[in-house]
Amino acid sequence: MKEGDFAEKKSLILCQDGSPFIPYYPAGINTDKCTGCGECVKVCPQNCIELKEQNGKLVAVIVDMESCIGDGMCRLVCPEDAFT
């Protein structure tokens, strides 16, 4: 590459097993499935999820999607598979 030439660089983040990291940004939480266990709240490093009462039931709610880093831990730890 000559001086003044610019090449687009794309960085690829790899998982521990060498596979490419594909971010997961939840579209929502199925409150019919959610039992309000709070496991997703515990693992979210950005505090994007909180437990709130809806229709007399405690459920997980995404409160700050802008801060989500897409690590997907919320979906992985959800015992009810409530993340969409």
PDB file of N, CA and C in Angstrom:
ATOM      1  N   MET A   1       0.845  -1.163   0.000  1.00  0.00           N
ATOM      2  CA  MET A   1       0.000   0.000   0.000  1.00  0.00           C
ATOM      3  C   MET A   1       0.895   1.232   0.000  1.00  0.00           C
ATOM      4  N   LYS A   2       0.631   2.128  -0.919  1.00  0.00           N
ATOM      5  CA  LYS A   2       1.415   3.361  -1.025  1.00  0.00           C
ATOM      6  C   LYS A   2       0.916   4.395  -0.032  1.00  0.00           C
ATOM      7  N   GLU A   3       1.778   5.327   0.291  1.00  0.00           N
ATOM      8  CA  GLU A   3       1.399   6.404   1.183  1.00  0.00           C
ATOM      9  C   GLU A   3       0.210   7.162   0.583  1.00  0.00           C
ATOM     10  N   GLY A   4      -0.767   7.451   1.374  1.00  0.00           N
ATOM     11  CA  GLY A   4      -1.952   8.143   0.890  1.00  0.00           C
ATOM     12  C   GLY A   4      -3.080   7.207   0.500  1.00  0.00           C
ATOM     13  N   ASP A   5      -2.762   5.923   0.271  1.00  0.00           N
ATOM     14  CA  ASP A   5      -3.813   4.946  -0.012  1.00  0.00           C
ATOM     15  C   ASP A   5      -4.433   4.497   1.313  1.00  0.00           C
ATOM     16  N   PHE A   6      -5.716   4.321   1.290  1.00  0.00           N
ATOM     17  CA  PHE A   6      -6.403   3.858   2.487  1.00  0.00           C
ATOM     18  C   PHE A   6      -7.140   2.576   2.166  1.00  0.00           C
ATOM     19  N   ALA A   7      -6.970   1.618   3.009  1.00  0.00           N
ATOM     20  CA  ALA A   7      -7.683   0.350   2.851  1.00  0.00           C
ATOM     21  C   ALA A   7      -8.655   0.207   4.020  1.00  0.00           C
ATOM     22  N   GLU A   8      -9.851  -0.234   3.720  1.00  0.00           N
ATOM     23  CA  GLU A   8     -10.833  -0.449   4.772  1.00  0.00           C
ATOM     24  C   GLU A   8     -10.412  -1.663   5.584  1.00  0.00           C
ATOM     25  N   LYS A   9     -10.361  -1.482   6.883  1.00  0.00           N
ATOM     26  CA  LYS A   9     -10.010  -2.591   7.774  1.00  0.00           C
ATOM     27  C   LYS A   9     -11.246  -3.004   8.535  1.00  0.00           C
ATOM     28  N   LYS A  10     -11.493  -4.259   8.549  1.00  0.00           N
ATOM     29  CA  LYS A  10     -12.594  -4.805   9.328  1.00  0.00           C
ATOM     30  C   LYS A  10     -11.998  -5.721  10.380  1.00  0.00           C
ATOM     31  N   SER A  11     -12.388  -5.482  11.608  1.00  0.00           N
ATOM     32  CA  SER A  11     -11.886  -6.349  12.662  1.00  0.00           C
ATOM     33  C   SER A  11     -12.934  -7.413  12.954  1.00  0.00           C
ATOM     34  N   LEU A  12     -12.452  -8.583  13.213  1.00  0.00           N
ATOM     35  CA  LEU A  12     -13.308  -9.721  13.513  1.00  0.00           C
ATOM     36  C   LEU A  12     -13.026 -10.143  14.937  1.00  0.00           C
ATOM     37  N   ILE A  13     -14.050 -10.220  15.729  1.00  0.00           N
ATOM     38  CA  ILE A  13     -13.902 -10.655  17.109  1.00  0.00           C
ATOM     39  C   ILE A  13     -14.179 -12.149  17.148  1.00  0.00           C
ATOM     40  N   LEU A  14     -13.274 -12.878  17.769  1.00  0.00           N
ATOM     41  CA  LEU A  14     -13.422 -14.329  17.846  1.00  0.00           C
ATOM     42  C   LEU A  14     -13.791 -14.761  19.254  1.00  0.00           C
ATOM     43  N   CYS A  15     -14.585 -15.795  19.329  1.00  0.00           N
ATOM     44  CA  CYS A  15     -14.933 -16.418  20.600  1.00  0.00           C
ATOM     45  C   CYS A  15     -13.770 -17.295  21.051  1.00  0.00           C
ATOM     46  N   GLN A  16     -13.848 -17.805  22.253  1.00  0.00           N
ATOM     47  CA  GLN A  16     -12.771 -18.649  22.776  1.00  0.00           C
ATOM     48  C   GLN A  16     -12.534 -19.880  21.921  1.00  0.00           C
ATOM     49  N   ASP A  17     -13.578 -20.394  21.276  1.00  0.00           N
ATOM     50  CA  ASP A  17     -13.407 -21.589  20.447  1.00  0.00           C
ATOM     51  C   ASP A  17     -12.935 -21.256  19.031  1.00  0.00           C
ATOM     52  N   GLY A  18     -12.696 -19.971  18.763  1.00  0.00           N
ATOM     53  CA  GLY A  18     -12.199 -19.556  17.451  1.00  0.00           C
ATOM     54  C   GLY A  18     -13.286 -19.184  16.458  1.00  0.00           C
ATOM     55  N   SER A  19     -14.534 -19.397  16.814  1.00  0.00           N
ATOM     56  CA  SER A  19     -15.632 -19.046  15.915  1.00  0.00           C
ATOM     57  C   SER A  19     -15.865 -17.533  15.967  1.00  0.00           C
ATOM     58  N   PRO A  20     -16.392 -16.954  14.896  1.00  0.00           N
ATOM     59  CA  PRO A  20     -16.629 -15.508  14.909  1.00  0.00           C
ATOM     60  C   PRO A  20     -17.748 -15.137  15.884  1.00  0.00           C
ATOM     61  N   PHE A  21     -17.556 -14.033  16.578  1.00  0.00           N
ATOM     62  CA  PHE A  21     -18.570 -13.535  17.493  1.00  0.00           C
ATOM     63  C   PHE A  21     -19.656 -12.839  16.684  1.00  0.00           C
ATOM     64  N   ILE A  22     -20.883 -13.281  16.859  1.00  0.00           N
ATOM     65  CA  ILE A  22     -22.026 -12.664  16.202  1.00  0.00           C
ATOM     66  C   ILE A  22     -22.882 -12.051  17.301  1.00  0.00           C
ATOM     67  N   PRO A  23     -22.978 -10.721  17.340  1.00  0.00           N
ATOM     68  CA  PRO A  23     -23.735 -10.097  18.424  1.00  0.00           C
ATOM     69  C   PRO A  23     -25.208 -10.483  18.403  1.00  0.00           C
ATOM     70  N   TYR A  24     -25.789 -10.558  19.580  1.00  0.00           N
ATOM     71  CA  TYR A  24     -27.215 -10.845  19.730  1.00  0.00           C
ATOM     72  C   TYR A  24     -27.842  -9.680  20.470  1.00  0.00           C
ATOM     73  N   TYR A  25     -28.717  -8.974  19.801  1.00  0.00           N
ATOM     74  CA  TYR A  25     -29.463  -7.885  20.408  1.00  0.00           C
ATOM     75  C   TYR A  25     -30.917  -8.339  20.519  1.00  0.00           C
ATOM     76  N   PRO A  26     -31.417  -8.503  21.740  1.00  0.00           N
ATOM     77  CA  PRO A  26     -32.777  -9.014  21.880  1.00  0.00           C
ATOM     78  C   PRO A  26     -33.801  -8.045  21.299  1.00  0.00           C
ATOM     79  N   ALA A  27     -34.789  -8.600  20.624  1.00  0.00           N
ATOM     80  CA  ALA A  27     -35.873  -7.781  20.081  1.00  0.00           C
ATOM     81  C   ALA A  27     -36.896  -7.490  21.168  1.00  0.00           C
ATOM     82  N   GLY A  28     -36.968  -8.364  22.143  1.00  0.00           N
ATOM     83  CA  GLY A  28     -37.914  -8.177  23.238  1.00  0.00           C
ATOM     84  C   GLY A  28     -37.915  -9.371  24.157  1.00  0.00           C
ATOM     85  N   ILE A  29     -38.832  -9.345  25.099  1.00  0.00           N
ATOM     86  CA  ILE A  29     -38.981 -10.433  26.063  1.00  0.00           C
ATOM     87  C   ILE A  29     -40.442 -10.853  26.057  1.00  0.00           C
ATOM     88  N   ASN A  30     -40.665 -12.137  25.886  1.00  0.00           N
ATOM     89  CA  ASN A  30     -42.021 -12.674  25.907  1.00  0.00           C
ATOM     90  C   ASN A  30     -42.457 -12.763  27.368  1.00  0.00           C
ATOM     91  N   THR A  31     -43.307 -11.820  27.779  1.00  0.00           N
ATOM     92  CA  THR A  31     -43.709 -11.769  29.187  1.00  0.00           C
ATOM     93  C   THR A  31     -44.621 -12.926  29.580  1.00  0.00           C
ATOM     94  N   ASP A  32     -45.189 -13.611  28.597  1.00  0.00           N
ATOM     95  CA  ASP A  32     -45.971 -14.810  28.911  1.00  0.00           C
ATOM     96  C   ASP A  32     -45.063 -15.941  29.370  1.00  0.00           C
ATOM     97  N   LYS A  33     -43.845 -15.986  28.824  1.00  0.00           N
ATOM     98  CA  LYS A  33     -42.883 -17.024  29.200  1.00  0.00           C
ATOM     99  C   LYS A  33     -42.058 -16.632  30.430  1.00  0.00           C
ATOM    100  N   CYS A  34     -41.784 -15.341  30.585  1.00  0.00           N
ATOM    101  CA  CYS A  34     -40.914 -14.862  31.660  1.00  0.00           C
ATOM    102  C   CYS A  34     -41.536 -15.138  33.023  1.00  0.00           C
ATOM    103  N   THR A  35     -40.715 -15.700  33.928  1.00  0.00           N
ATOM    104  CA  THR A  35     -41.178 -15.995  35.287  1.00  0.00           C
ATOM    105  C   THR A  35     -40.638 -14.997  36.311  1.00  0.00           C
ATOM    106  N   GLY A  36     -39.846 -14.021  35.836  1.00  0.00           N
ATOM    107  CA  GLY A  36     -39.303 -13.021  36.744  1.00  0.00           C
ATOM    108  C   GLY A  36     -38.196 -13.531  37.636  1.00  0.00           C
ATOM    109  N   CYS A  37     -37.476 -14.545  37.184  1.00  0.00           N
ATOM    110  CA  CYS A  37     -36.411 -15.131  38.005  1.00  0.00           C
ATOM    111  C   CYS A  37     -35.232 -14.172  38.212  1.00  0.00           C
ATOM    112  N   GLY A  38     -35.019 -13.249  37.265  1.00  0.00           N
ATOM    113  CA  GLY A  38     -33.960 -12.254  37.402  1.00  0.00           C
ATOM    114  C   GLY A  38     -32.583 -12.689  36.948  1.00  0.00           C
ATOM    115  N   GLU A  39     -32.456 -13.876  36.391  1.00  0.00           N
ATOM    116  CA  GLU A  39     -31.135 -14.342  35.941  1.00  0.00           C
ATOM    117  C   GLU A  39     -30.552 -13.410  34.877  1.00  0.00           C
ATOM    118  N   CYS A  40     -31.395 -12.928  33.964  1.00  0.00           N
ATOM    119  CA  CYS A  40     -30.929 -12.027  32.904  1.00  0.00           C
ATOM    120  C   CYS A  40     -30.445 -10.699  33.488  1.00  0.00           C
ATOM    121  N   VAL A  41     -31.118 -10.229  34.519  1.00  0.00           N
ATOM    122  CA  VAL A  41     -30.738  -8.971  35.172  1.00  0.00           C
ATOM    123  C   VAL A  41     -29.350  -9.114  35.790  1.00  0.00           C
ATOM    124  N   LYS A  42     -29.094 -10.263  36.406  1.00  0.00           N
ATOM    125  CA  LYS A  42     -27.811 -10.509  37.074  1.00  0.00           C
ATOM    126  C   LYS A  42     -26.634 -10.505  36.105  1.00  0.00           C
ATOM    127  N   VAL A  43     -26.833 -11.024  34.871  1.00  0.00           N
ATOM    128  CA  VAL A  43     -25.701 -11.182  33.953  1.00  0.00           C
ATOM    129  C   VAL A  43     -25.511 -10.019  32.985  1.00  0.00           C
ATOM    130  N   CYS A  44     -26.448  -9.093  32.926  1.00  0.00           N
ATOM    131  CA  CYS A  44     -26.335  -7.989  31.967  1.00  0.00           C
ATOM    132  C   CYS A  44     -25.288  -6.985  32.445  1.00  0.00           C
ATOM    133  N   PRO A  45     -24.152  -6.863  31.735  1.00  0.00           N
ATOM    134  CA  PRO A  45     -23.089  -5.968  32.192  1.00  0.00           C
ATOM    135  C   PRO A  45     -23.429  -4.488  32.033  1.00  0.00           C
ATOM    136  N   GLN A  46     -24.428  -4.181  31.235  1.00  0.00           N
ATOM    137  CA  GLN A  46     -24.789  -2.790  30.969  1.00  0.00           C
ATOM    138  C   GLN A  46     -26.056  -2.354  31.717  1.00  0.00           C
ATOM    139  N   ASN A  47     -26.626  -3.247  32.517  1.00  0.00           N
ATOM    140  CA  ASN A  47     -27.857  -2.952  33.255  1.00  0.00           C
ATOM    141  C   ASN A  47     -28.995  -2.515  32.337  1.00  0.00           C
ATOM    142  N   CYS A  48     -29.144  -3.228  31.227  1.00  0.00           N
ATOM    143  CA  CYS A  48     -30.188  -2.933  30.249  1.00  0.00           C
ATOM    144  C   CYS A  48     -31.531  -3.538  30.617  1.00  0.00           C
ATOM    145  N   ILE A  49     -31.544  -4.457  31.569  1.00  0.00           N
ATOM    146  CA  ILE A  49     -32.754  -5.200  31.902  1.00  0.00           C
ATOM    147  C   ILE A  49     -33.077  -4.997  33.378  1.00  0.00           C
ATOM    148  N   GLU A  50     -34.358  -4.803  33.650  1.00  0.00           N
ATOM    149  CA  GLU A  50     -34.828  -4.682  35.031  1.00  0.00           C
ATOM    150  C   GLU A  50     -36.075  -5.538  35.210  1.00  0.00           C
ATOM    151  N   LEU A  51     -36.338  -5.898  36.456  1.00  0.00           N
ATOM    152  CA  LEU A  51     -37.589  -6.588  36.779  1.00  0.00           C
ATOM    153  C   LEU A  51     -38.627  -5.539  37.118  1.00  0.00           C
ATOM    154  N   LYS A  52     -39.782  -5.644  36.479  1.00  0.00           N
ATOM    155  CA  LYS A  52     -40.877  -4.708  36.718  1.00  0.00           C
ATOM    156  C   LYS A  52     -42.186  -5.473  36.785  1.00  0.00           C
ATOM    157  N   GLU A  53     -43.143  -4.884  37.472  1.00  0.00           N
ATOM    158  CA  GLU A  53     -44.458  -5.512  37.565  1.00  0.00           C
ATOM    159  C   GLU A  53     -45.299  -5.100  36.362  1.00  0.00           C
ATOM    160  N   GLN A  54     -45.849  -6.094  35.688  1.00  0.00           N
ATOM    161  CA  GLN A  54     -46.761  -5.873  34.571  1.00  0.00           C
ATOM    162  C   GLN A  54     -47.944  -6.807  34.728  1.00  0.00           C
ATOM    163  N   ASN A  55     -49.114  -6.250  34.741  1.00  0.00           N
ATOM    164  CA  ASN A  55     -50.343  -7.034  34.881  1.00  0.00           C
ATOM    165  C   ASN A  55     -50.307  -7.950  36.107  1.00  0.00           C
ATOM    166  N   GLY A  56     -49.781  -7.419  37.212  1.00  0.00           N
ATOM    167  CA  GLY A  56     -49.741  -8.175  38.454  1.00  0.00           C
ATOM    168  C   GLY A  56     -48.678  -9.254  38.520  1.00  0.00           C
ATOM    169  N   LYS A  57     -47.731  -9.230  37.569  1.00  0.00           N
ATOM    170  CA  LYS A  57     -46.692 -10.271  37.501  1.00  0.00           C
ATOM    171  C   LYS A  57     -45.331  -9.595  37.355  1.00  0.00           C
ATOM    172  N   LEU A  58     -44.323 -10.079  38.069  1.00  0.00           N
ATOM    173  CA  LEU A  58     -42.969  -9.564  37.956  1.00  0.00           C
ATOM    174  C   LEU A  58     -42.307 -10.183  36.730  1.00  0.00           C
ATOM    175  N   VAL A  59     -41.837  -9.331  35.803  1.00  0.00           N
ATOM    176  CA  VAL A  59     -41.210  -9.809  34.562  1.00  0.00           C
ATOM    177  C   VAL A  59     -39.981  -8.963  34.231  1.00  0.00           C
ATOM    178  N   ALA A  60     -39.122  -9.520  33.411  1.00  0.00           N
ATOM    179  CA  ALA A  60     -37.951  -8.793  32.930  1.00  0.00           C
ATOM    180  C   ALA A  60     -38.374  -7.863  31.803  1.00  0.00           C
ATOM    181  N   VAL A  61     -37.806  -6.646  31.827  1.00  0.00           N
ATOM    182  CA  VAL A  61     -38.121  -5.634  30.827  1.00  0.00           C
ATOM    183  C   VAL A  61     -36.816  -5.005  30.361  1.00  0.00           C
ATOM    184  N   ILE A  62     -36.664  -4.857  29.053  1.00  0.00           N
ATOM    185  CA  ILE A  62     -35.490  -4.162  28.512  1.00  0.00           C
ATOM    186  C   ILE A  62     -35.736  -2.670  28.700  1.00  0.00           C
ATOM    187  N   VAL A  63     -34.870  -2.021  29.484  1.00  0.00           N
ATOM    188  CA  VAL A  63     -35.069  -0.612  29.810  1.00  0.00           C
ATOM    189  C   VAL A  63     -34.076   0.315  29.119  1.00  0.00           C
ATOM    190  N   ASP A  64     -32.996  -0.246  28.563  1.00  0.00           N
ATOM    191  CA  ASP A  64     -31.979   0.599  27.936  1.00  0.00           C
ATOM    192  C   ASP A  64     -31.315  -0.143  26.783  1.00  0.00           C
ATOM    193  N   MET A  65     -32.046  -0.298  25.690  1.00  0.00           N
ATOM    194  CA  MET A  65     -31.519  -1.028  24.530  1.00  0.00           C
ATOM    195  C   MET A  65     -30.312  -0.330  23.922  1.00  0.00           C
ATOM    196  N   GLU A  66     -30.234   0.980  24.051  1.00  0.00           N
ATOM    197  CA  GLU A  66     -29.118   1.754  23.498  1.00  0.00           C
ATOM    198  C   GLU A  66     -27.771   1.299  24.064  1.00  0.00           C
ATOM    199  N   SER A  67     -27.765   0.836  25.305  1.00  0.00           N
ATOM    200  CA  SER A  67     -26.513   0.433  25.956  1.00  0.00           C
ATOM    201  C   SER A  67     -26.153  -1.029  25.743  1.00  0.00           C
ATOM    202  N   CYS A  68     -27.045  -1.801  25.125  1.00  0.00           N
ATOM    203  CA  CYS A  68     -26.812  -3.236  24.925  1.00  0.00           C
ATOM    204  C   CYS A  68     -25.552  -3.459  24.071  1.00  0.00           C
ATOM    205  N   ILE A  69     -24.678  -4.361  24.535  1.00  0.00           N
ATOM    206  CA  ILE A  69     -23.446  -4.664  23.794  1.00  0.00           C
ATOM    207  C   ILE A  69     -23.579  -5.932  22.960  1.00  0.00           C
ATOM    208  N   GLY A  70     -24.714  -6.590  23.038  1.00  0.00           N
ATOM    209  CA  GLY A  70     -24.965  -7.749  22.184  1.00  0.00           C
ATOM    210  C   GLY A  70     -24.241  -9.016  22.566  1.00  0.00           C
ATOM    211  N   ASP A  71     -23.883  -9.162  23.841  1.00  0.00           N
ATOM    212  CA  ASP A  71     -23.154 -10.370  24.249  1.00  0.00           C
ATOM    213  C   ASP A  71     -24.043 -11.607  24.320  1.00  0.00           C
ATOM    214  N   GLY A  72     -25.354 -11.409  24.397  1.00  0.00           N
ATOM    215  CA  GLY A  72     -26.284 -12.537  24.368  1.00  0.00           C
ATOM    216  C   GLY A  72     -26.402 -13.335  25.648  1.00  0.00           C
ATOM    217  N   MET A  73     -25.784 -12.875  26.715  1.00  0.00           N
ATOM    218  CA  MET A  73     -25.839 -13.627  27.966  1.00  0.00           C
ATOM    219  C   MET A  73     -27.265 -13.721  28.505  1.00  0.00           C
ATOM    220  N   CYS A  74     -28.060 -12.682  28.288  1.00  0.00           N
ATOM    221  CA  CYS A  74     -29.446 -12.700  28.766  1.00  0.00           C
ATOM    222  C   CYS A  74     -30.195 -13.896  28.189  1.00  0.00           C
ATOM    223  N   ARG A  75     -30.043 -14.096  26.912  1.00  0.00           N
ATOM    224  CA  ARG A  75     -30.728 -15.218  26.255  1.00  0.00           C
ATOM    225  C   ARG A  75     -30.174 -16.554  26.732  1.00  0.00           C
ATOM    226  N   LEU A  76     -28.866 -16.631  26.908  1.00  0.00           N
ATOM    227  CA  LEU A  76     -28.240 -17.890  27.324  1.00  0.00           C
ATOM    228  C   LEU A  76     -28.672 -18.342  28.709  1.00  0.00           C
ATOM    229  N   VAL A  77     -28.861 -17.410  29.638  1.00  0.00           N
ATOM    230  CA  VAL A  77     -29.181 -17.801  31.012  1.00  0.00           C
ATOM    231  C   VAL A  77     -30.679 -17.921  31.268  1.00  0.00           C
ATOM    232  N   CYS A  78     -31.511 -17.473  30.336  1.00  0.00           N
ATOM    233  CA  CYS A  78     -32.959 -17.500  30.554  1.00  0.00           C
ATOM    234  C   CYS A  78     -33.473 -18.938  30.543  1.00  0.00           C
ATOM    235  N   PRO A  79     -33.955 -19.437  31.689  1.00  0.00           N
ATOM    236  CA  PRO A  79     -34.436 -20.821  31.743  1.00  0.00           C
ATOM    237  C   PRO A  79     -35.754 -21.039  30.994  1.00  0.00           C
ATOM    238  N   GLU A  80     -36.432 -19.956  30.666  1.00  0.00           N
ATOM    239  CA  GLU A  80     -37.742 -20.058  30.015  1.00  0.00           C
ATOM    240  C   GLU A  80     -37.680 -19.727  28.518  1.00  0.00           C
ATOM    241  N   ASP A  81     -36.497 -19.411  28.000  1.00  0.00           N
ATOM    242  CA  ASP A  81     -36.329 -19.044  26.593  1.00  0.00           C
ATOM    243  C   ASP A  81     -37.291 -17.907  26.211  1.00  0.00           C
ATOM    244  N   ALA A  82     -37.341 -16.881  27.058  1.00  0.00           N
ATOM    245  CA  ALA A  82     -38.293 -15.786  26.885  1.00  0.00           C
ATOM    246  C   ALA A  82     -37.783 -14.663  25.975  1.00  0.00           C
ATOM    247  N   PHE A  83     -36.496 -14.664  25.638  1.00  0.00           N
ATOM    248  CA  PHE A  83     -35.961 -13.592  24.803  1.00  0.00           C
ATOM    249  C   PHE A  83     -36.239 -13.861  23.324  1.00  0.00           C
ATOM    250  N   THR A  84     -36.682 -12.805  22.639  1.00  0.00           N
ATOM    251  CA  THR A  84     -36.992 -12.929  21.200  1.00  0.00           C
ATOM    252  C   THR A  84     -35.959 -12.187  20.382  1.00  0.00           C
TER     253      THR A  84
END
